[in-house]
């Protein structure tokens, strides 16, 4: 399924270093994962109703409850570089 070149290309895209000895195990593992998806594609799901999630999920954020927020000092406590009451960050866009 996956070739050696595929694994090298994927590792480059992911920006992870991969040693020569790890290429073959990763190739076998990723090929096995794709084979499992092929098995799943063979299943008849025609009569199964689509769901977005098999579990009923509720929101973990409660915007209807007011909580005390951080003080300015607490928020800036671990700032690597401060400029008064602000975080100092490197410019992202330069003109």
PDB file of N, CA and C in Angstrom:
ATOM      1  N   UNK A   1       0.821  -1.193   0.000  1.00  0.00           N
ATOM      2  CA  UNK A   1       0.000   0.000   0.000  1.00  0.00           C
ATOM      3  C   UNK A   1       0.870   1.264   0.000  1.00  0.00           C
ATOM      4  N   UNK A   2       1.555   1.506   1.112  1.00  0.00           N
ATOM      5  CA  UNK A   2       2.459   2.647   1.181  1.00  0.00           C
ATOM      6  C   UNK A   2       3.843   2.209   0.738  1.00  0.00           C
ATOM      7  N   UNK A   3       4.506   3.053   0.021  1.00  0.00           N
ATOM      8  CA  UNK A   3       5.882   2.770  -0.378  1.00  0.00           C
ATOM      9  C   UNK A   3       6.834   3.498   0.564  1.00  0.00           C
ATOM     10  N   UNK A   4       8.086   3.165   0.437  1.00  0.00           N
ATOM     11  CA  UNK A   4       9.130   3.841   1.220  1.00  0.00           C
ATOM     12  C   UNK A   4       9.112   5.335   0.939  1.00  0.00           C
ATOM     13  N   UNK A   5       8.935   5.689  -0.337  1.00  0.00           N
ATOM     14  CA  UNK A   5       8.899   7.102  -0.724  1.00  0.00           C
ATOM     15  C   UNK A   5       7.693   7.817  -0.111  1.00  0.00           C
ATOM     16  N   UNK A   6       6.567   7.097  -0.010  1.00  0.00           N
ATOM     17  CA  UNK A   6       5.379   7.690   0.620  1.00  0.00           C
ATOM     18  C   UNK A   6       5.670   8.066   2.072  1.00  0.00           C
ATOM     19  N   UNK A   7       6.307   7.168   2.801  1.00  0.00           N
ATOM     20  CA  UNK A   7       6.611   7.411   4.218  1.00  0.00           C
ATOM     21  C   UNK A   7       7.578   8.584   4.351  1.00  0.00           C
ATOM     22  N   UNK A   8       8.570   8.643   3.497  1.00  0.00           N
ATOM     23  CA  UNK A   8       9.513   9.766   3.539  1.00  0.00           C
ATOM     24  C   UNK A   8       8.799  11.079   3.235  1.00  0.00           C
ATOM     25  N   UNK A   9       7.884  11.041   2.259  1.00  0.00           N
ATOM     26  CA  UNK A   9       7.126  12.247   1.901  1.00  0.00           C
ATOM     27  C   UNK A   9       6.213  12.681   3.054  1.00  0.00           C
ATOM     28  N   UNK A  10       5.537  11.725   3.665  1.00  0.00           N
ATOM     29  CA  UNK A  10       4.644  12.036   4.796  1.00  0.00           C
ATOM     30  C   UNK A  10       5.444  12.626   5.952  1.00  0.00           C
ATOM     31  N   UNK A  11       6.607  12.050   6.239  1.00  0.00           N
ATOM     32  CA  UNK A  11       7.411  12.583   7.345  1.00  0.00           C
ATOM     33  C   UNK A  11       7.898  13.994   7.046  1.00  0.00           C
ATOM     34  N   UNK A  12       8.170  14.273   5.778  1.00  0.00           N
ATOM     35  CA  UNK A  12       8.564  15.628   5.386  1.00  0.00           C
ATOM     36  C   UNK A  12       7.395  16.588   5.569  1.00  0.00           C
ATOM     37  N   UNK A  13       6.201  16.168   5.135  1.00  0.00           N
ATOM     38  CA  UNK A  13       5.021  17.024   5.296  1.00  0.00           C
ATOM     39  C   UNK A  13       4.712  17.292   6.765  1.00  0.00           C
ATOM     40  N   UNK A  14       4.924  16.282   7.610  1.00  0.00           N
ATOM     41  CA  UNK A  14       4.660  16.427   9.047  1.00  0.00           C
ATOM     42  C   UNK A  14       5.807  17.113   9.781  1.00  0.00           C
ATOM     43  N   UNK A  15       6.897  17.316   9.068  1.00  0.00           N
ATOM     44  CA  UNK A  15       8.095  17.933   9.642  1.00  0.00           C
ATOM     45  C   UNK A  15       8.619  17.153  10.846  1.00  0.00           C
ATOM     46  N   UNK A  16       8.643  15.831  10.659  1.00  0.00           N
ATOM     47  CA  UNK A  16       9.219  14.977  11.700  1.00  0.00           C
ATOM     48  C   UNK A  16      10.380  14.214  11.091  1.00  0.00           C
ATOM     49  N   UNK A  17      11.402  14.060  11.861  1.00  0.00           N
ATOM     50  CA  UNK A  17      12.537  13.276  11.404  1.00  0.00           C
ATOM     51  C   UNK A  17      12.223  11.799  11.551  1.00  0.00           C
ATOM     52  N   UNK A  18      12.633  11.022  10.581  1.00  0.00           N
ATOM     53  CA  UNK A  18      12.404   9.584  10.648  1.00  0.00           C
ATOM     54  C   UNK A  18      13.699   8.897  10.261  1.00  0.00           C
ATOM     55  N   UNK A  19      14.119   7.956  11.089  1.00  0.00           N
ATOM     56  CA  UNK A  19      15.369   7.256  10.812  1.00  0.00           C
ATOM     57  C   UNK A  19      15.132   6.141   9.798  1.00  0.00           C
ATOM     58  N   UNK A  20      16.211   5.689   9.207  1.00  0.00           N
ATOM     59  CA  UNK A  20      16.128   4.618   8.212  1.00  0.00           C
ATOM     60  C   UNK A  20      15.486   3.363   8.809  1.00  0.00           C
ATOM     61  N   UNK A  21      15.817   3.054  10.064  1.00  0.00           N
ATOM     62  CA  UNK A  21      15.288   1.829  10.676  1.00  0.00           C
ATOM     63  C   UNK A  21      13.795   1.938  10.995  1.00  0.00           C
ATOM     64  N   UNK A  22      13.254   3.158  11.058  1.00  0.00           N
ATOM     65  CA  UNK A  22      11.836   3.338  11.379  1.00  0.00           C
ATOM     66  C   UNK A  22      10.934   3.376  10.153  1.00  0.00           C
ATOM     67  N   UNK A  23      11.505   3.519   8.979  1.00  0.00           N
ATOM     68  CA  UNK A  23      10.679   3.653   7.771  1.00  0.00           C
ATOM     69  C   UNK A  23       9.826   2.410   7.541  1.00  0.00           C
ATOM     70  N   UNK A  24      10.425   1.237   7.622  1.00  0.00           N
ATOM     71  CA  UNK A  24       9.674   0.000   7.342  1.00  0.00           C
ATOM     72  C   UNK A  24       8.575  -0.255   8.375  1.00  0.00           C
ATOM     73  N   UNK A  25       8.843  -0.123   9.686  1.00  0.00           N
ATOM     74  CA  UNK A  25       7.738  -0.315  10.640  1.00  0.00           C
ATOM     75  C   UNK A  25       6.578   0.667  10.427  1.00  0.00           C
ATOM     76  N   UNK A  26       6.903   1.930  10.147  1.00  0.00           N
ATOM     77  CA  UNK A  26       5.841   2.905   9.893  1.00  0.00           C
ATOM     78  C   UNK A  26       5.081   2.582   8.618  1.00  0.00           C
ATOM     79  N   UNK A  27       5.803   2.124   7.595  1.00  0.00           N
ATOM     80  CA  UNK A  27       5.152   1.762   6.337  1.00  0.00           C
ATOM     81  C   UNK A  27       4.163   0.624   6.571  1.00  0.00           C
ATOM     82  N   UNK A  28       4.577  -0.381   7.342  1.00  0.00           N
ATOM     83  CA  UNK A  28       3.699  -1.515   7.635  1.00  0.00           C
ATOM     84  C   UNK A  28       2.498  -1.080   8.475  1.00  0.00           C
ATOM     85  N   UNK A  29       2.720  -0.247   9.472  1.00  0.00           N
ATOM     86  CA  UNK A  29       1.632   0.202  10.338  1.00  0.00           C
ATOM     87  C   UNK A  29       0.612   1.037   9.572  1.00  0.00           C
ATOM     88  N   UNK A  30       1.079   1.993   8.772  1.00  0.00           N
ATOM     89  CA  UNK A  30       0.150   2.833   8.013  1.00  0.00           C
ATOM     90  C   UNK A  30      -0.592   2.028   6.957  1.00  0.00           C
ATOM     91  N   UNK A  31       0.069   1.064   6.345  1.00  0.00           N
ATOM     92  CA  UNK A  31      -0.604   0.200   5.378  1.00  0.00           C
ATOM     93  C   UNK A  31      -1.689  -0.616   6.066  1.00  0.00           C
ATOM     94  N   UNK A  32      -1.417  -1.105   7.269  1.00  0.00           N
ATOM     95  CA  UNK A  32      -2.408  -1.865   8.030  1.00  0.00           C
ATOM     96  C   UNK A  32      -3.623  -1.003   8.373  1.00  0.00           C
ATOM     97  N   UNK A  33      -3.390   0.247   8.726  1.00  0.00           N
ATOM     98  CA  UNK A  33      -4.498   1.159   9.032  1.00  0.00           C
ATOM     99  C   UNK A  33      -5.385   1.324   7.807  1.00  0.00           C
ATOM    100  N   UNK A  34      -4.792   1.505   6.634  1.00  0.00           N
ATOM    101  CA  UNK A  34      -5.589   1.642   5.416  1.00  0.00           C
ATOM    102  C   UNK A  34      -6.371   0.368   5.112  1.00  0.00           C
ATOM    103  N   UNK A  35      -5.780  -0.793   5.384  1.00  0.00           N
ATOM    104  CA  UNK A  35      -6.493  -2.055   5.177  1.00  0.00           C
ATOM    105  C   UNK A  35      -7.724  -2.124   6.075  1.00  0.00           C
ATOM    106  N   UNK A  36      -7.617  -1.621   7.293  1.00  0.00           N
ATOM    107  CA  UNK A  36      -8.759  -1.620   8.214  1.00  0.00           C
ATOM    108  C   UNK A  36      -9.886  -0.747   7.679  1.00  0.00           C
ATOM    109  N   UNK A  37      -9.550   0.371   7.049  1.00  0.00           N
ATOM    110  CA  UNK A  37     -10.575   1.219   6.449  1.00  0.00           C
ATOM    111  C   UNK A  37     -11.244   0.517   5.271  1.00  0.00           C
ATOM    112  N   UNK A  38     -10.479  -0.285   4.534  1.00  0.00           N
ATOM    113  CA  UNK A  38     -11.068  -1.051   3.438  1.00  0.00           C
ATOM    114  C   UNK A  38     -12.097  -2.039   3.967  1.00  0.00           C
ATOM    115  N   UNK A  39     -11.804  -2.665   5.100  1.00  0.00           N
ATOM    116  CA  UNK A  39     -12.755  -3.585   5.728  1.00  0.00           C
ATOM    117  C   UNK A  39     -14.021  -2.833   6.107  1.00  0.00           C
ATOM    118  N   UNK A  40     -13.869  -1.660   6.676  1.00  0.00           N
ATOM    119  CA  UNK A  40     -15.042  -0.863   7.071  1.00  0.00           C
ATOM    120  C   UNK A  40     -15.878  -0.452   5.867  1.00  0.00           C
ATOM    121  N   UNK A  41     -15.243  -0.198   4.733  1.00  0.00           N
ATOM    122  CA  UNK A  41     -15.979   0.204   3.538  1.00  0.00           C
ATOM    123  C   UNK A  41     -16.838  -0.932   2.995  1.00  0.00           C
ATOM    124  N   UNK A  42     -16.523  -2.163   3.339  1.00  0.00           N
ATOM    125  CA  UNK A  42     -17.297  -3.304   2.877  1.00  0.00           C
ATOM    126  C   UNK A  42     -18.604  -3.478   3.660  1.00  0.00           C
ATOM    127  N   UNK A  43     -18.720  -2.837   4.807  1.00  0.00           N
ATOM    128  CA  UNK A  43     -19.919  -2.982   5.630  1.00  0.00           C
ATOM    129  C   UNK A  43     -21.119  -2.305   4.986  1.00  0.00           C
ATOM    130  N   UNK A  44     -22.292  -2.950   5.130  1.00  0.00           N
ATOM    131  CA  UNK A  44     -23.535  -2.373   4.624  1.00  0.00           C
ATOM    132  C   UNK A  44     -24.088  -1.429   5.688  1.00  0.00           C
ATOM    133  N   UNK A  45     -24.028  -0.141   5.412  1.00  0.00           N
ATOM    134  CA  UNK A  45     -24.515   0.862   6.366  1.00  0.00           C
ATOM    135  C   UNK A  45     -25.768   1.567   5.844  1.00  0.00           C
ATOM    136  N   UNK A  46     -26.405   0.977   4.853  1.00  0.00           N
ATOM    137  CA  UNK A  46     -27.567   1.600   4.214  1.00  0.00           C
ATOM    138  C   UNK A  46     -28.693   1.881   5.207  1.00  0.00           C
ATOM    139  N   UNK A  47     -28.927   0.970   6.133  1.00  0.00           N
ATOM    140  CA  UNK A  47     -30.063   1.116   7.063  1.00  0.00           C
ATOM    141  C   UNK A  47     -29.673   1.794   8.379  1.00  0.00           C
ATOM    142  N   UNK A  48     -28.444   2.245   8.472  1.00  0.00           N
ATOM    143  CA  UNK A  48     -27.986   2.898   9.704  1.00  0.00           C
ATOM    144  C   UNK A  48     -28.143   4.400   9.555  1.00  0.00           C
ATOM    145  N   UNK A  49     -28.854   4.984  10.500  1.00  0.00           N
ATOM    146  CA  UNK A  49     -29.103   6.425  10.449  1.00  0.00           C
ATOM    147  C   UNK A  49     -27.815   7.188  10.760  1.00  0.00           C
ATOM    148  N   UNK A  50     -27.502   8.206   9.953  1.00  0.00           N
ATOM    149  CA  UNK A  50     -26.278   8.984  10.204  1.00  0.00           C
ATOM    150  C   UNK A  50     -26.349   9.716  11.542  1.00  0.00           C
ATOM    151  N   UNK A  51     -25.213   9.785  12.198  1.00  0.00           N
ATOM    152  CA  UNK A  51     -25.111  10.541  13.443  1.00  0.00           C
ATOM    153  C   UNK A  51     -23.853  11.399  13.387  1.00  0.00           C
ATOM    154  N   UNK A  52     -23.891  12.518  14.066  1.00  0.00           N
ATOM    155  CA  UNK A  52     -22.695  13.350  14.122  1.00  0.00           C
ATOM    156  C   UNK A  52     -21.762  12.856  15.204  1.00  0.00           C
ATOM    157  N   UNK A  53     -22.330  12.225  16.236  1.00  0.00           N
ATOM    158  CA  UNK A  53     -21.529  11.696  17.321  1.00  0.00           C
ATOM    159  C   UNK A  53     -22.327  10.595  18.008  1.00  0.00           C
ATOM    160  N   UNK A  54     -21.712   9.471  18.331  1.00  0.00           N
ATOM    161  CA  UNK A  54     -22.457   8.394  18.976  1.00  0.00           C
ATOM    162  C   UNK A  54     -22.827   8.697  20.427  1.00  0.00           C
ATOM    163  N   UNK A  55     -22.209   9.693  21.007  1.00  0.00           N
ATOM    164  CA  UNK A  55     -22.493  10.066  22.395  1.00  0.00           C
ATOM    165  C   UNK A  55     -23.262  11.374  22.426  1.00  0.00           C
ATOM    166  N   UNK A  56     -24.156  11.495  23.390  1.00  0.00           N
ATOM    167  CA  UNK A  56     -24.838  12.784  23.529  1.00  0.00           C
ATOM    168  C   UNK A  56     -23.873  13.738  24.223  1.00  0.00           C
ATOM    169  N   UNK A  57     -23.594  14.822  23.554  1.00  0.00           N
ATOM    170  CA  UNK A  57     -22.614  15.771  24.082  1.00  0.00           C
ATOM    171  C   UNK A  57     -23.308  17.035  24.546  1.00  0.00           C
ATOM    172  N   UNK A  58     -22.862  17.547  25.622  1.00  0.00           N
ATOM    173  CA  UNK A  58     -23.324  18.836  26.101  1.00  0.00           C
ATOM    174  C   UNK A  58     -22.145  19.790  26.080  1.00  0.00           C
ATOM    175  N   UNK A  59     -22.426  21.030  26.134  1.00  0.00           N
ATOM    176  CA  UNK A  59     -21.343  21.994  26.122  1.00  0.00           C
ATOM    177  C   UNK A  59     -20.616  21.981  27.462  1.00  0.00           C
ATOM    178  N   UNK A  60     -19.321  22.096  27.409  1.00  0.00           N
ATOM    179  CA  UNK A  60     -18.541  22.154  28.640  1.00  0.00           C
ATOM    180  C   UNK A  60     -18.370  23.592  29.101  1.00  0.00           C
ATOM    181  N   UNK A  61     -18.705  24.524  28.240  1.00  0.00           N
ATOM    182  CA  UNK A  61     -18.609  25.933  28.594  1.00  0.00           C
ATOM    183  C   UNK A  61     -19.978  26.421  29.039  1.00  0.00           C
ATOM    184  N   UNK A  62     -20.048  27.013  30.194  1.00  0.00           N
ATOM    185  CA  UNK A  62     -21.319  27.502  30.725  1.00  0.00           C
ATOM    186  C   UNK A  62     -21.314  29.029  30.672  1.00  0.00           C
ATOM    187  N   UNK A  63     -21.794  29.590  29.587  1.00  0.00           N
ATOM    188  CA  UNK A  63     -21.778  31.044  29.468  1.00  0.00           C
ATOM    189  C   UNK A  63     -22.870  31.713  30.303  1.00  0.00           C
ATOM    190  N   UNK A  64     -23.727  30.897  30.941  1.00  0.00           N
ATOM    191  CA  UNK A  64     -24.776  31.474  31.777  1.00  0.00           C
ATOM    192  C   UNK A  64     -24.332  31.610  33.237  1.00  0.00           C
ATOM    193  N   UNK A  65     -23.094  31.204  33.542  1.00  0.00           N
ATOM    194  CA  UNK A  65     -22.574  31.333  34.892  1.00  0.00           C
ATOM    195  C   UNK A  65     -21.427  32.341  34.899  1.00  0.00           C
ATOM    196  N   UNK A  66     -21.528  33.328  35.742  1.00  0.00           N
ATOM    197  CA  UNK A  66     -20.497  34.353  35.829  1.00  0.00           C
ATOM    198  C   UNK A  66     -19.428  33.894  36.815  1.00  0.00           C
ATOM    199  N   UNK A  67     -18.165  33.993  36.380  1.00  0.00           N
ATOM    200  CA  UNK A  67     -17.036  33.642  37.236  1.00  0.00           C
ATOM    201  C   UNK A  67     -16.080  34.824  37.292  1.00  0.00           C
ATOM    202  N   UNK A  68     -15.339  34.881  38.380  1.00  0.00           N
ATOM    203  CA  UNK A  68     -14.351  35.940  38.522  1.00  0.00           C
ATOM    204  C   UNK A  68     -13.228  35.705  37.519  1.00  0.00           C
ATOM    205  N   UNK A  69     -12.812  36.752  36.830  1.00  0.00           N
ATOM    206  CA  UNK A  69     -11.740  36.612  35.850  1.00  0.00           C
ATOM    207  C   UNK A  69     -10.402  36.920  36.509  1.00  0.00           C
ATOM    208  N   UNK A  70      -9.329  36.678  35.775  1.00  0.00           N
ATOM    209  CA  UNK A  70      -7.987  36.943  36.292  1.00  0.00           C
ATOM    210  C   UNK A  70      -7.760  38.438  36.468  1.00  0.00           C
ATOM    211  N   UNK A  71      -6.960  38.759  37.461  1.00  0.00           N
ATOM    212  CA  UNK A  71      -6.527  40.147  37.582  1.00  0.00           C
ATOM    213  C   UNK A  71      -5.473  40.395  36.512  1.00  0.00           C
ATOM    214  N   UNK A  72      -5.200  41.646  36.242  1.00  0.00           N
ATOM    215  CA  UNK A  72      -4.198  41.998  35.246  1.00  0.00           C
ATOM    216  C   UNK A  72      -2.842  41.408  35.626  1.00  0.00           C
ATOM    217  N   UNK A  73      -2.481  41.489  36.890  1.00  0.00           N
ATOM    218  CA  UNK A  73      -1.197  40.950  37.351  1.00  0.00           C
ATOM    219  C   UNK A  73      -1.142  39.438  37.199  1.00  0.00           C
ATOM    220  N   UNK A  74      -2.228  38.746  37.529  1.00  0.00           N
ATOM    221  CA  UNK A  74      -2.244  37.285  37.398  1.00  0.00           C
ATOM    222  C   UNK A  74      -2.125  36.871  35.934  1.00  0.00           C
ATOM    223  N   UNK A  75      -2.769  37.596  35.040  1.00  0.00           N
ATOM    224  CA  UNK A  75      -2.717  37.272  33.621  1.00  0.00           C
ATOM    225  C   UNK A  75      -1.318  37.502  33.053  1.00  0.00           C
ATOM    226  N   UNK A  76      -0.622  38.497  33.544  1.00  0.00           N
ATOM    227  CA  UNK A  76       0.708  38.840  33.032  1.00  0.00           C
ATOM    228  C   UNK A  76       1.850  38.196  33.813  1.00  0.00           C
ATOM    229  N   UNK A  77       1.513  37.430  34.847  1.00  0.00           N
ATOM    230  CA  UNK A  77       2.515  36.876  35.757  1.00  0.00           C
ATOM    231  C   UNK A  77       3.607  36.088  35.033  1.00  0.00           C
ATOM    232  N   UNK A  78       3.256  35.215  34.104  1.00  0.00           N
ATOM    233  CA  UNK A  78       4.238  34.373  33.412  1.00  0.00           C
ATOM    234  C   UNK A  78       4.618  34.901  32.032  1.00  0.00           C
ATOM    235  N   UNK A  79       4.290  36.137  31.741  1.00  0.00           N
ATOM    236  CA  UNK A  79       4.633  36.707  30.431  1.00  0.00           C
ATOM    237  C   UNK A  79       6.152  36.764  30.290  1.00  0.00           C
ATOM    238  N   UNK A  80       6.688  36.227  29.189  1.00  0.00           N
ATOM    239  CA  UNK A  80       8.145  36.270  29.029  1.00  0.00           C
ATOM    240  C   UNK A  80       8.675  37.688  28.905  1.00  0.00           C
ATOM    241  N   UNK A  81       7.913  38.551  28.221  1.00  0.00           N
ATOM    242  CA  UNK A  81       8.322  39.955  28.076  1.00  0.00           C
ATOM    243  C   UNK A  81       7.074  40.812  28.236  1.00  0.00           C
ATOM    244  N   UNK A  82       7.187  41.811  29.113  1.00  0.00           N
ATOM    245  CA  UNK A  82       6.059  42.719  29.360  1.00  0.00           C
ATOM    246  C   UNK A  82       6.420  44.120  28.914  1.00  0.00           C
ATOM    247  N   UNK A  83       5.380  44.871  28.561  1.00  0.00           N
ATOM    248  CA  UNK A  83       5.532  46.293  28.270  1.00  0.00           C
ATOM    249  C   UNK A  83       4.423  46.981  29.046  1.00  0.00           C
ATOM    250  N   UNK A  84       4.714  47.314  30.303  1.00  0.00           N
ATOM    251  CA  UNK A  84       3.682  47.888  31.160  1.00  0.00           C
ATOM    252  C   UNK A  84       2.620  46.839  31.467  1.00  0.00           C
ATOM    253  N   UNK A  85       1.388  47.133  31.077  1.00  0.00           N
ATOM    254  CA  UNK A  85       0.272  46.204  31.319  1.00  0.00           C
ATOM    255  C   UNK A  85      -0.035  45.338  30.101  1.00  0.00           C
ATOM    256  N   UNK A  86       0.939  45.133  29.210  1.00  0.00           N
ATOM    257  CA  UNK A  86       0.703  44.386  27.971  1.00  0.00           C
ATOM    258  C   UNK A  86       1.774  43.326  27.773  1.00  0.00           C
ATOM    259  N   UNK A  87       1.423  42.303  26.996  1.00  0.00           N
ATOM    260  CA  UNK A  87       2.410  41.325  26.544  1.00  0.00           C
ATOM    261  C   UNK A  87       3.204  41.957  25.417  1.00  0.00           C
ATOM    262  N   UNK A  88       4.507  41.750  25.404  1.00  0.00           N
ATOM    263  CA  UNK A  88       5.345  42.197  24.288  1.00  0.00           C
ATOM    264  C   UNK A  88       5.566  40.968  23.405  1.00  0.00           C
ATOM    265  N   UNK A  89       5.199  41.053  22.135  1.00  0.00           N
ATOM    266  CA  UNK A  89       5.363  39.946  21.195  1.00  0.00           C
ATOM    267  C   UNK A  89       6.097  40.441  19.959  1.00  0.00           C
ATOM    268  N   UNK A  90       6.688  39.498  19.224  1.00  0.00           N
ATOM    269  CA  UNK A  90       7.367  39.846  17.985  1.00  0.00           C
ATOM    270  C   UNK A  90       6.316  40.216  16.937  1.00  0.00           C
ATOM    271  N   UNK A  91       6.678  41.113  16.048  1.00  0.00           N
ATOM    272  CA  UNK A  91       5.784  41.508  14.959  1.00  0.00           C
ATOM    273  C   UNK A  91       5.532  40.307  14.052  1.00  0.00           C
ATOM    274  N   UNK A  92       4.287  40.099  13.688  1.00  0.00           N
ATOM    275  CA  UNK A  92       3.929  39.003  12.802  1.00  0.00           C
ATOM    276  C   UNK A  92       3.938  39.482  11.346  1.00  0.00           C
ATOM    277  N   UNK A  93       3.338  40.611  11.128  1.00  0.00           N
ATOM    278  CA  UNK A  93       3.296  41.202   9.792  1.00  0.00           C
ATOM    279  C   UNK A  93       4.075  42.496   9.813  1.00  0.00           C
ATOM    280  N   UNK A  94       4.972  42.625   8.895  1.00  0.00           N
ATOM    281  CA  UNK A  94       5.746  43.850   8.826  1.00  0.00           C
ATOM    282  C   UNK A  94       5.421  44.547   7.519  1.00  0.00           C
ATOM    283  N   UNK A  95       5.374  45.853   7.581  1.00  0.00           N
ATOM    284  CA  UNK A  95       5.042  46.628   6.390  1.00  0.00           C
ATOM    285  C   UNK A  95       6.279  47.138   5.722  1.00  0.00           C
TER     286      UNK A  95
END
